PDB file of N, CA and C in Angstrom:
ATOM      1  N   MET A   1      21.768  43.019   5.108  1.00  0.00           N
ATOM      2  CA  MET A   1      20.517  42.972   4.140  1.00  0.00           C
ATOM      3  C   MET A   1      21.242  42.942   2.723  1.00  0.00           C
ATOM      4  N   THR A   2      20.806  41.955   1.928  1.00  0.00           N
ATOM      5  CA  THR A   2      21.136  41.937   0.524  1.00  0.00           C
ATOM      6  C   THR A   2      20.523  43.032  -0.214  1.00  0.00           C
ATOM      7  N   GLU A   3      21.414  43.419  -1.432  1.00  0.00           N
ATOM      8  CA  GLU A   3      20.966  44.476  -2.385  1.00  0.00           C
ATOM      9  C   GLU A   3      19.473  44.245  -2.865  1.00  0.00           C
ATOM     10  N   LYS A   4      19.360  43.004  -3.221  1.00  0.00           N
ATOM     11  CA  LYS A   4      18.087  42.688  -3.922  1.00  0.00           C
ATOM     12  C   LYS A   4      16.952  42.854  -2.686  1.00  0.00           C
ATOM     13  N   ALA A   5      17.198  42.311  -1.571  1.00  0.00           N
ATOM     14  CA  ALA A   5      16.267  42.422  -0.432  1.00  0.00           C
ATOM     15  C   ALA A   5      15.788  43.986  -0.187  1.00  0.00           C
ATOM     16  N   LEU A   6      17.019  44.803  -0.250  1.00  0.00           N
ATOM     17  CA  LEU A   6      16.870  46.099  -0.015  1.00  0.00           C
ATOM     18  C   LEU A   6      16.102  47.061  -1.082  1.00  0.00           C
ATOM     19  N   ILE A   7      16.287  46.712  -2.321  1.00  0.00           N
ATOM     20  CA  ILE A   7      15.402  47.167  -3.556  1.00  0.00           C
ATOM     21  C   ILE A   7      13.987  46.818  -3.290  1.00  0.00           C
ATOM     22  N   ALA A   8      13.839  45.319  -3.039  1.00  0.00           N
ATOM     23  CA  ALA A   8      12.413  45.055  -2.658  1.00  0.00           C
ATOM     24  C   ALA A   8      11.589  45.789  -1.726  1.00  0.00           C
ATOM     25  N   ALA A   9      12.242  45.967  -0.550  1.00  0.00           N
ATOM     26  CA  ALA A   9      11.828  46.622   0.559  1.00  0.00           C
ATOM     27  C   ALA A   9      11.563  47.999   0.102  1.00  0.00           C
ATOM     28  N   VAL A  10      12.446  48.782  -0.508  1.00  0.00           N
ATOM     29  CA  VAL A  10      12.143  50.050  -1.030  1.00  0.00           C
ATOM     30  C   VAL A  10      10.953  50.180  -1.896  1.00  0.00           C
ATOM     31  N   ALA A  11      10.916  49.144  -2.866  1.00  0.00           N
ATOM     32  CA  ALA A  11       9.743  49.415  -3.767  1.00  0.00           C
ATOM     33  C   ALA A  11       8.361  49.043  -2.938  1.00  0.00           C
ATOM     34  N   VAL A  12       8.515  47.983  -2.096  1.00  0.00           N
ATOM     35  CA  VAL A  12       7.201  47.774  -1.269  1.00  0.00           C
ATOM     36  C   VAL A  12       6.796  48.996  -0.381  1.00  0.00           C
ATOM     37  N   ALA A  13       7.786  49.639   0.224  1.00  0.00           N
ATOM     38  CA  ALA A  13       7.401  50.903   1.116  1.00  0.00           C
ATOM     39  C   ALA A  13       6.786  52.031   0.171  1.00  0.00           C
ATOM     40  N   LEU A  14       7.378  52.223  -1.151  1.00  0.00           N
ATOM     41  CA  LEU A  14       6.930  53.164  -1.980  1.00  0.00           C
ATOM     42  C   LEU A  14       5.562  52.909  -2.479  1.00  0.00           C
ATOM     43  N   LEU A  15       5.343  51.650  -2.876  1.00  0.00           N
ATOM     44  CA  LEU A  15       3.884  51.315  -3.406  1.00  0.00           C
ATOM     45  C   LEU A  15       2.934  51.341  -2.280  1.00  0.00           C
ATOM     46  N   ALA A  16       3.359  51.018  -1.051  1.00  0.00           N
ATOM     47  CA  ALA A  16       2.341  51.114   0.081  1.00  0.00           C
ATOM     48  C   ALA A  16       1.992  52.447   0.353  1.00  0.00           C
ATOM     49  N   SER A  17       2.885  53.452   0.207  1.00  0.00           N
ATOM     50  CA  SER A  17       2.689  54.889   0.468  1.00  0.00           C
ATOM     51  C   SER A  17       1.690  55.325  -0.679  1.00  0.00           C
ATOM     52  N   PHE A  18       1.745  54.861  -1.861  1.00  0.00           N
ATOM     53  CA  PHE A  18       0.964  55.176  -2.811  1.00  0.00           C
ATOM     54  C   PHE A  18      -0.577  54.499  -2.639  1.00  0.00           C
ATOM     55  N   ALA A  19      -0.653  53.463  -2.027  1.00  0.00           N
ATOM     56  CA  ALA A  19      -1.831  52.933  -1.828  1.00  0.00           C
ATOM     57  C   ALA A  19      -2.710  53.701  -0.891  1.00  0.00           C
ATOM     58  N   THR A  20      -2.188  54.438   0.001  1.00  0.00           N
ATOM     59  CA  THR A  20      -2.742  55.307   0.875  1.00  0.00           C
ATOM     60  C   THR A  20      -3.129  56.733   0.430  1.00  0.00           C
ATOM     61  N   TYR A  21      -2.702  57.072  -0.674  1.00  0.00           N
ATOM     62  CA  TYR A  21      -2.732  58.431  -1.242  1.00  0.00           C
ATOM     63  C   TYR A  21      -4.062  58.587  -1.898  1.00  0.00           C
ATOM     64  N   ASP A  22      -4.729  59.728  -1.874  1.00  0.00           N
ATOM     65  CA  ASP A  22      -6.048  59.666  -2.438  1.00  0.00           C
ATOM     66  C   ASP A  22      -5.913  60.651  -3.688  1.00  0.00           C
ATOM     67  N   PRO A  23      -5.926  59.995  -4.912  1.00  0.00           N
ATOM     68  CA  PRO A  23      -5.767  60.854  -6.296  1.00  0.00           C
ATOM     69  C   PRO A  23      -6.857  61.930  -6.328  1.00  0.00           C
ATOM     70  N   ALA A  24      -7.968  61.817  -5.768  1.00  0.00           N
ATOM     71  CA  ALA A  24      -9.147  62.886  -5.631  1.00  0.00           C
ATOM     72  C   ALA A  24      -8.573  64.082  -5.104  1.00  0.00           C
ATOM     73  N   GLU A  25      -7.670  63.874  -3.842  1.00  0.00           N
ATOM     74  CA  GLU A  25      -7.139  64.859  -3.216  1.00  0.00           C
ATOM     75  C   GLU A  25      -5.930  65.761  -3.915  1.00  0.00           C
ATOM     76  N   ALA A  26      -5.348  64.882  -4.647  1.00  0.00           N
ATOM     77  CA  ALA A  26      -4.280  65.486  -5.609  1.00  0.00           C
ATOM     78  C   ALA A  26      -4.858  66.424  -6.707  1.00  0.00           C
ATOM     79  N   ARG A  27      -5.951  66.180  -7.196  1.00  0.00           N
ATOM     80  CA  ARG A  27      -6.550  66.996  -8.196  1.00  0.00           C
ATOM     81  C   ARG A  27      -7.266  68.240  -7.518  1.00  0.00           C
ATOM     82  N   ARG A  28      -7.820  68.047  -6.314  1.00  0.00           N
ATOM     83  CA  ARG A  28      -8.480  69.314  -5.589  1.00  0.00           C
ATOM     84  C   ARG A  28      -7.155  70.173  -5.153  1.00  0.00           C
ATOM     85  N   SER A  29      -5.932  69.705  -4.704  1.00  0.00           N
ATOM     86  CA  SER A  29      -4.873  70.567  -4.439  1.00  0.00           C
ATOM     87  C   SER A  29      -4.096  71.054  -5.561  1.00  0.00           C
ATOM     88  N   ARG A  30      -4.417  70.497  -6.786  1.00  0.00           N
ATOM     89  CA  ARG A  30      -3.768  71.077  -7.999  1.00  0.00           C
ATOM     90  C   ARG A  30      -2.176  70.620  -7.945  1.00  0.00           C
ATOM     91  N   GLY A  31      -1.923  69.732  -7.437  1.00  0.00           N
ATOM     92  CA  GLY A  31      -0.422  69.341  -7.420  1.00  0.00           C
ATOM     93  C   GLY A  31      -0.216  68.096  -6.572  1.00  0.00           C
ATOM     94  N   LYS A  32       0.993  67.670  -6.645  1.00  0.00           N
ATOM     95  CA  LYS A  32       1.421  66.475  -6.010  1.00  0.00           C
ATOM     96  C   LYS A  32       2.345  66.611  -4.867  1.00  0.00           C
ATOM     97  N   ASP A  33       2.280  65.872  -3.934  1.00  0.00           N
ATOM     98  CA  ASP A  33       3.440  66.013  -3.074  1.00  0.00           C
ATOM     99  C   ASP A  33       4.611  65.264  -3.393  1.00  0.00           C
ATOM    100  N   VAL A  34       5.751  65.696  -2.879  1.00  0.00           N
ATOM    101  CA  VAL A  34       6.951  65.014  -3.327  1.00  0.00           C
ATOM    102  C   VAL A  34       7.284  64.052  -2.238  1.00  0.00           C
ATOM    103  N   ILE A  35       7.373  62.877  -2.435  1.00  0.00           N
ATOM    104  CA  ILE A  35       7.628  61.700  -1.264  1.00  0.00           C
ATOM    105  C   ILE A  35       9.124  61.522  -1.459  1.00  0.00           C
ATOM    106  N   GLU A  36       9.784  61.552  -0.357  1.00  0.00           N
ATOM    107  CA  GLU A  36      11.177  61.406  -0.301  1.00  0.00           C
ATOM    108  C   GLU A  36      11.580  60.517   0.876  1.00  0.00           C
ATOM    109  N   LYS A  37      12.282  59.504   0.715  1.00  0.00           N
ATOM    110  CA  LYS A  37      12.840  58.634   1.767  1.00  0.00           C
ATOM    111  C   LYS A  37      14.012  58.267   1.706  1.00  0.00           C
ATOM    112  N   HIS A  38      14.849  58.281   2.769  1.00  0.00           N
ATOM    113  CA  HIS A  38      16.116  58.101   3.070  1.00  0.00           C
ATOM    114  C   HIS A  38      16.665  56.748   3.487  1.00  0.00           C
ATOM    115  N   TYR A  39      17.662  56.119   3.042  1.00  0.00           N
ATOM    116  CA  TYR A  39      18.079  54.698   3.718  1.00  0.00           C
ATOM    117  C   TYR A  39      19.529  54.701   3.683  1.00  0.00           C
ATOM    118  N   ILE A  40      19.954  54.278   5.079  1.00  0.00           N
ATOM    119  CA  ILE A  40      21.504  54.209   5.162  1.00  0.00           C
ATOM    120  C   ILE A  40      21.852  52.905   4.845  1.00  0.00           C
ATOM    121  N   THR A  41      22.848  52.608   4.075  1.00  0.00           N
ATOM    122  CA  THR A  41      23.443  51.393   3.817  1.00  0.00           C
ATOM    123  C   THR A  41      25.001  51.300   3.810  1.00  0.00           C
ATOM    124  N   ASP A  42      25.315  50.052   3.939  1.00  0.00           N
ATOM    125  CA  ASP A  42      26.841  50.030   4.080  1.00  0.00           C
ATOM    126  C   ASP A  42      27.623  50.124   2.686  1.00  0.00           C
ATOM    127  N   ARG A  43      26.823  49.829   1.671  1.00  0.00           N
ATOM    128  CA  ARG A  43      27.595  50.037   0.368  1.00  0.00           C
ATOM    129  C   ARG A  43      26.536  50.686  -0.621  1.00  0.00           C
ATOM    130  N   PRO A  44      26.879  50.990  -1.825  1.00  0.00           N
ATOM    131  CA  PRO A  44      25.977  51.718  -2.751  1.00  0.00           C
ATOM    132  C   PRO A  44      25.003  50.788  -3.194  1.00  0.00           C
ATOM    133  N   VAL A  45      23.839  51.013  -3.250  1.00  0.00           N
ATOM    134  CA  VAL A  45      22.748  50.056  -3.827  1.00  0.00           C
ATOM    135  C   VAL A  45      21.890  50.872  -4.715  1.00  0.00           C
ATOM    136  N   ARG A  46      21.116  50.185  -5.474  1.00  0.00           N
ATOM    137  CA  ARG A  46      20.254  50.935  -6.537  1.00  0.00           C
ATOM    138  C   ARG A  46      18.717  51.043  -5.947  1.00  0.00           C
ATOM    139  N   GLY A  47      18.055  52.129  -6.280  1.00  0.00           N
ATOM    140  CA  GLY A  47      16.742  52.354  -5.708  1.00  0.00           C
ATOM    141  C   GLY A  47      15.799  52.059  -7.052  1.00  0.00           C
ATOM    142  N   PHE A  48      14.725  52.490  -6.943  1.00  0.00           N
ATOM    143  CA  PHE A  48      13.538  52.209  -7.986  1.00  0.00           C
ATOM    144  C   PHE A  48      13.618  53.498  -9.085  1.00  0.00           C
ATOM    145  N   SER A  49      13.628  53.397 -10.175  1.00  0.00           N
ATOM    146  CA  SER A  49      13.594  54.335 -11.020  1.00  0.00           C
ATOM    147  C   SER A  49      12.552  54.118 -12.150  1.00  0.00           C
ATOM    148  N   GLY A  50      11.502  54.923 -12.214  1.00  0.00           N
ATOM    149  CA  GLY A  50      10.505  54.729 -13.127  1.00  0.00           C
ATOM    150  C   GLY A  50       9.126  55.303 -12.667  1.00  0.00           C
ATOM    151  N   PHE A  51       7.828  54.846 -13.428  1.00  0.00           N
ATOM    152  CA  PHE A  51       6.591  55.376 -13.146  1.00  0.00           C
ATOM    153  C   PHE A  51       6.042  54.369 -12.150  1.00  0.00           C
ATOM    154  N   ALA A  52       5.272  54.918 -10.960  1.00  0.00           N
ATOM    155  CA  ALA A  52       4.590  54.124 -10.089  1.00  0.00           C
ATOM    156  C   ALA A  52       3.496  54.927  -9.448  1.00  0.00           C
ATOM    157  N   GLY A  53       2.098  54.555  -9.757  1.00  0.00           N
ATOM    158  CA  GLY A  53       1.025  55.180  -8.945  1.00  0.00           C
ATOM    159  C   GLY A  53       0.908  56.551  -9.397  1.00  0.00           C
ATOM    160  N   GLY A  54       1.221  56.990 -10.552  1.00  0.00           N
ATOM    161  CA  GLY A  54       0.917  58.379 -11.049  1.00  0.00           C
ATOM    162  C   GLY A  54       1.970  59.294 -10.675  1.00  0.00           C
ATOM    163  N   TYR A  55       3.097  58.699 -10.261  1.00  0.00           N
ATOM    164  CA  TYR A  55       4.243  59.512  -9.903  1.00  0.00           C
ATOM    165  C   TYR A  55       5.512  58.886 -10.759  1.00  0.00           C
ATOM    166  N   TYR A  56       6.497  59.787 -10.932  1.00  0.00           N
ATOM    167  CA  TYR A  56       7.841  59.375 -11.463  1.00  0.00           C
ATOM    168  C   TYR A  56       8.641  59.270 -10.253  1.00  0.00           C
ATOM    169  N   CYS A  57       9.394  58.245 -10.129  1.00  0.00           N
ATOM    170  CA  CYS A  57      10.314  58.017  -9.094  1.00  0.00           C
ATOM    171  C   CYS A  57      11.833  57.899  -9.731  1.00  0.00           C
ATOM    172  N   ASP A  58      12.719  58.562  -8.773  1.00  0.00           N
ATOM    173  CA  ASP A  58      14.186  58.257  -9.001  1.00  0.00           C
ATOM    174  C   ASP A  58      14.993  58.240  -7.842  1.00  0.00           C
ATOM    175  N   TYR A  59      16.303  57.838  -8.022  1.00  0.00           N
ATOM    176  CA  TYR A  59      17.009  57.817  -6.760  1.00  0.00           C
ATOM    177  C   TYR A  59      18.484  58.272  -6.913  1.00  0.00           C
ATOM    178  N   ARG A  60      19.062  58.564  -5.790  1.00  0.00           N
ATOM    179  CA  ARG A  60      20.347  59.010  -5.817  1.00  0.00           C
ATOM    180  C   ARG A  60      21.188  58.330  -4.771  1.00  0.00           C
ATOM    181  N   ARG A  61      22.225  58.130  -4.909  1.00  0.00           N
ATOM    182  CA  ARG A  61      23.286  57.632  -3.824  1.00  0.00           C
ATOM    183  C   ARG A  61      24.410  58.604  -3.490  1.00  0.00           C
ATOM    184  N   VAL A  62      24.377  58.797  -2.129  1.00  0.00           N
ATOM    185  CA  VAL A  62      25.373  59.758  -1.723  1.00  0.00           C
ATOM    186  C   VAL A  62      26.253  59.215  -0.657  1.00  0.00           C
ATOM    187  N   PRO A  63      27.597  59.336  -0.959  1.00  0.00           N
ATOM    188  CA  PRO A  63      28.614  58.669   0.112  1.00  0.00           C
ATOM    189  C   PRO A  63      28.517  59.591   1.259  1.00  0.00           C
ATOM    190  N   ASN A  64      28.685  59.054   2.495  1.00  0.00           N
ATOM    191  CA  ASN A  64      28.802  59.642   3.749  1.00  0.00           C
ATOM    192  C   ASN A  64      30.249  59.497   4.091  1.00  0.00           C
ATOM    193  N   ARG A  65      31.017  60.563   4.242  1.00  0.00           N
ATOM    194  CA  ARG A  65      32.543  60.467   4.484  1.00  0.00           C
ATOM    195  C   ARG A  65      32.807  60.849   5.949  1.00  0.00           C
ATOM    196  N   GLN A  66      33.839  60.227   6.265  1.00  0.00           N
ATOM    197  CA  GLN A  66      34.442  60.705   7.748  1.00  0.00           C
ATOM    198  C   GLN A  66      36.066  61.196   7.332  1.00  0.00           C
ATOM    199  N   CYS A  67      36.114  62.408   7.780  1.00  0.00           N
ATOM    200  CA  CYS A  67      37.573  62.950   7.303  1.00  0.00           C
ATOM    201  C   CYS A  67      38.271  63.344   8.574  1.00  0.00           C
ATOM    202  N   THR A  68      39.403  63.086   8.423  1.00  0.00           N
ATOM    203  CA  THR A  68      40.487  63.544   9.530  1.00  0.00           C
ATOM    204  C   THR A  68      41.734  64.324   8.899  1.00  0.00           C
ATOM    205  N   VAL A  69      42.251  65.114   9.809  1.00  0.00           N
ATOM    206  CA  VAL A  69      43.341  66.060   9.282  1.00  0.00           C
ATOM    207  C   VAL A  69      44.624  65.265   9.616  1.00  0.00           C
ATOM    208  N   LEU A  70      45.558  64.986   8.850  1.00  0.00           N
ATOM    209  CA  LEU A  70      46.889  64.284   9.009  1.00  0.00           C
ATOM    210  C   LEU A  70      47.846  65.211   9.658  1.00  0.00           C
ATOM    211  N   ALA A  71      48.950  64.673  10.044  1.00  0.00           N
ATOM    212  CA  ALA A  71      50.047  65.384  10.892  1.00  0.00           C
ATOM    213  C   ALA A  71      50.490  66.437   9.984  1.00  0.00           C
ATOM    214  N   ASP A  72      50.687  66.078   8.484  1.00  0.00           N
ATOM    215  CA  ASP A  72      51.305  67.108   7.618  1.00  0.00           C
ATOM    216  C   ASP A  72      50.274  68.324   7.275  1.00  0.00           C
ATOM    217  N   GLY A  73      49.106  68.175   7.813  1.00  0.00           N
ATOM    218  CA  GLY A  73      47.871  69.381   7.354  1.00  0.00           C
ATOM    219  C   GLY A  73      46.928  68.893   6.306  1.00  0.00           C
ATOM    220  N   ARG A  74      47.341  67.874   5.561  1.00  0.00           N
ATOM    221  CA  ARG A  74      46.498  67.278   4.589  1.00  0.00           C
ATOM    222  C   ARG A  74      45.250  66.599   5.235  1.00  0.00           C
ATOM    223  N   GLU A  75      44.125  66.588   4.454  1.00  0.00           N
ATOM    224  CA  GLU A  75      42.905  66.061   4.966  1.00  0.00           C
ATOM    225  C   GLU A  75      42.632  64.676   4.238  1.00  0.00           C
ATOM    226  N   SER A  76      42.309  63.558   5.148  1.00  0.00           N
ATOM    227  CA  SER A  76      42.243  62.245   4.398  1.00  0.00           C
ATOM    228  C   SER A  76      40.784  61.907   4.737  1.00  0.00           C
ATOM    229  N   CYS A  77      40.082  61.505   3.715  1.00  0.00           N
ATOM    230  CA  CYS A  77      38.502  61.154   3.944  1.00  0.00           C
ATOM    231  C   CYS A  77      38.311  59.618   3.411  1.00  0.00           C
ATOM    232  N   ARG A  78      37.400  58.954   4.220  1.00  0.00           N
ATOM    233  CA  ARG A  78      37.149  57.592   3.648  1.00  0.00           C
ATOM    234  C   ARG A  78      35.519  57.597   3.775  1.00  0.00           C
ATOM    235  N   ILE A  79      34.896  56.802   2.965  1.00  0.00           N
ATOM    236  CA  ILE A  79      33.495  56.573   2.957  1.00  0.00           C
ATOM    237  C   ILE A  79      33.327  55.415   4.208  1.00  0.00           C
ATOM    238  N   VAL A  80      32.351  56.072   4.928  1.00  0.00           N
ATOM    239  CA  VAL A  80      31.911  55.093   6.158  1.00  0.00           C
ATOM    240  C   VAL A  80      30.609  54.431   5.695  1.00  0.00           C
ATOM    241  N   ASN A  81      29.640  54.959   5.002  1.00  0.00           N
ATOM    242  CA  ASN A  81      28.298  54.286   4.560  1.00  0.00           C
ATOM    243  C   ASN A  81      27.771  55.143   3.444  1.00  0.00           C
ATOM    244  N   TRP A  82      26.590  54.839   2.933  1.00  0.00           N
ATOM    245  CA  TRP A  82      25.879  55.449   1.888  1.00  0.00           C
ATOM    246  C   TRP A  82      24.481  55.784   2.233  1.00  0.00           C
ATOM    247  N   THR A  83      23.918  56.876   1.630  1.00  0.00           N
ATOM    248  CA  THR A  83      22.705  57.200   2.000  1.00  0.00           C
ATOM    249  C   THR A  83      21.949  57.193   0.411  1.00  0.00           C
ATOM    250  N   LEU A  84      20.934  56.307   0.470  1.00  0.00           N
ATOM    251  CA  LEU A  84      20.106  56.157  -0.733  1.00  0.00           C
ATOM    252  C   LEU A  84      18.837  57.103  -0.547  1.00  0.00           C
ATOM    253  N   THR A  85      18.692  57.914  -1.393  1.00  0.00           N
ATOM    254  CA  THR A  85      17.451  58.884  -1.414  1.00  0.00           C
ATOM    255  C   THR A  85      16.701  58.578  -2.373  1.00  0.00           C
ATOM    256  N   GLN A  86      15.435  58.059  -2.132  1.00  0.00           N
ATOM    257  CA  GLN A  86      14.335  57.679  -3.170  1.00  0.00           C
ATOM    258  C   GLN A  86      13.301  58.715  -3.205  1.00  0.00           C
ATOM    259  N   ALA A  87      13.202  59.392  -4.150  1.00  0.00           N
ATOM    260  CA  ALA A  87      12.167  60.400  -4.356  1.00  0.00           C
ATOM    261  C   ALA A  87      11.134  60.259  -5.398  1.00  0.00           C
ATOM    262  N   CYS A  88       9.901  60.590  -5.151  1.00  0.00           N
ATOM    263  CA  CYS A  88       8.700  60.356  -6.252  1.00  0.00           C
ATOM    264  C   CYS A  88       8.099  61.618  -6.315  1.00  0.00           C
ATOM    265  N   TYR A  89       7.753  62.054  -7.518  1.00  0.00           N
ATOM    266  CA  TYR A  89       7.021  63.407  -7.831  1.00  0.00           C
ATOM    267  C   TYR A  89       6.136  63.319  -9.006  1.00  0.00           C
TER     268      TYR A  89
END
């Protein structure tokens, strides 16, 4: 999946989740839920950052590492994939 297609998919998923959210319920509960979604990708990609549906959304990219111990006792790590965490609050 290309980077632009992934960004579009993340944006559509977030906006769809806002469409089913009831603003009146948020006022009654005196707070908003934090919506957080995780996506595993082969390389670092950008998420959505900004306001959407009364929420502020931001993202972070976290590398997932695989580590091995070498014969001389040192540790060698390499990045195997990335986790994109999209959060709206």
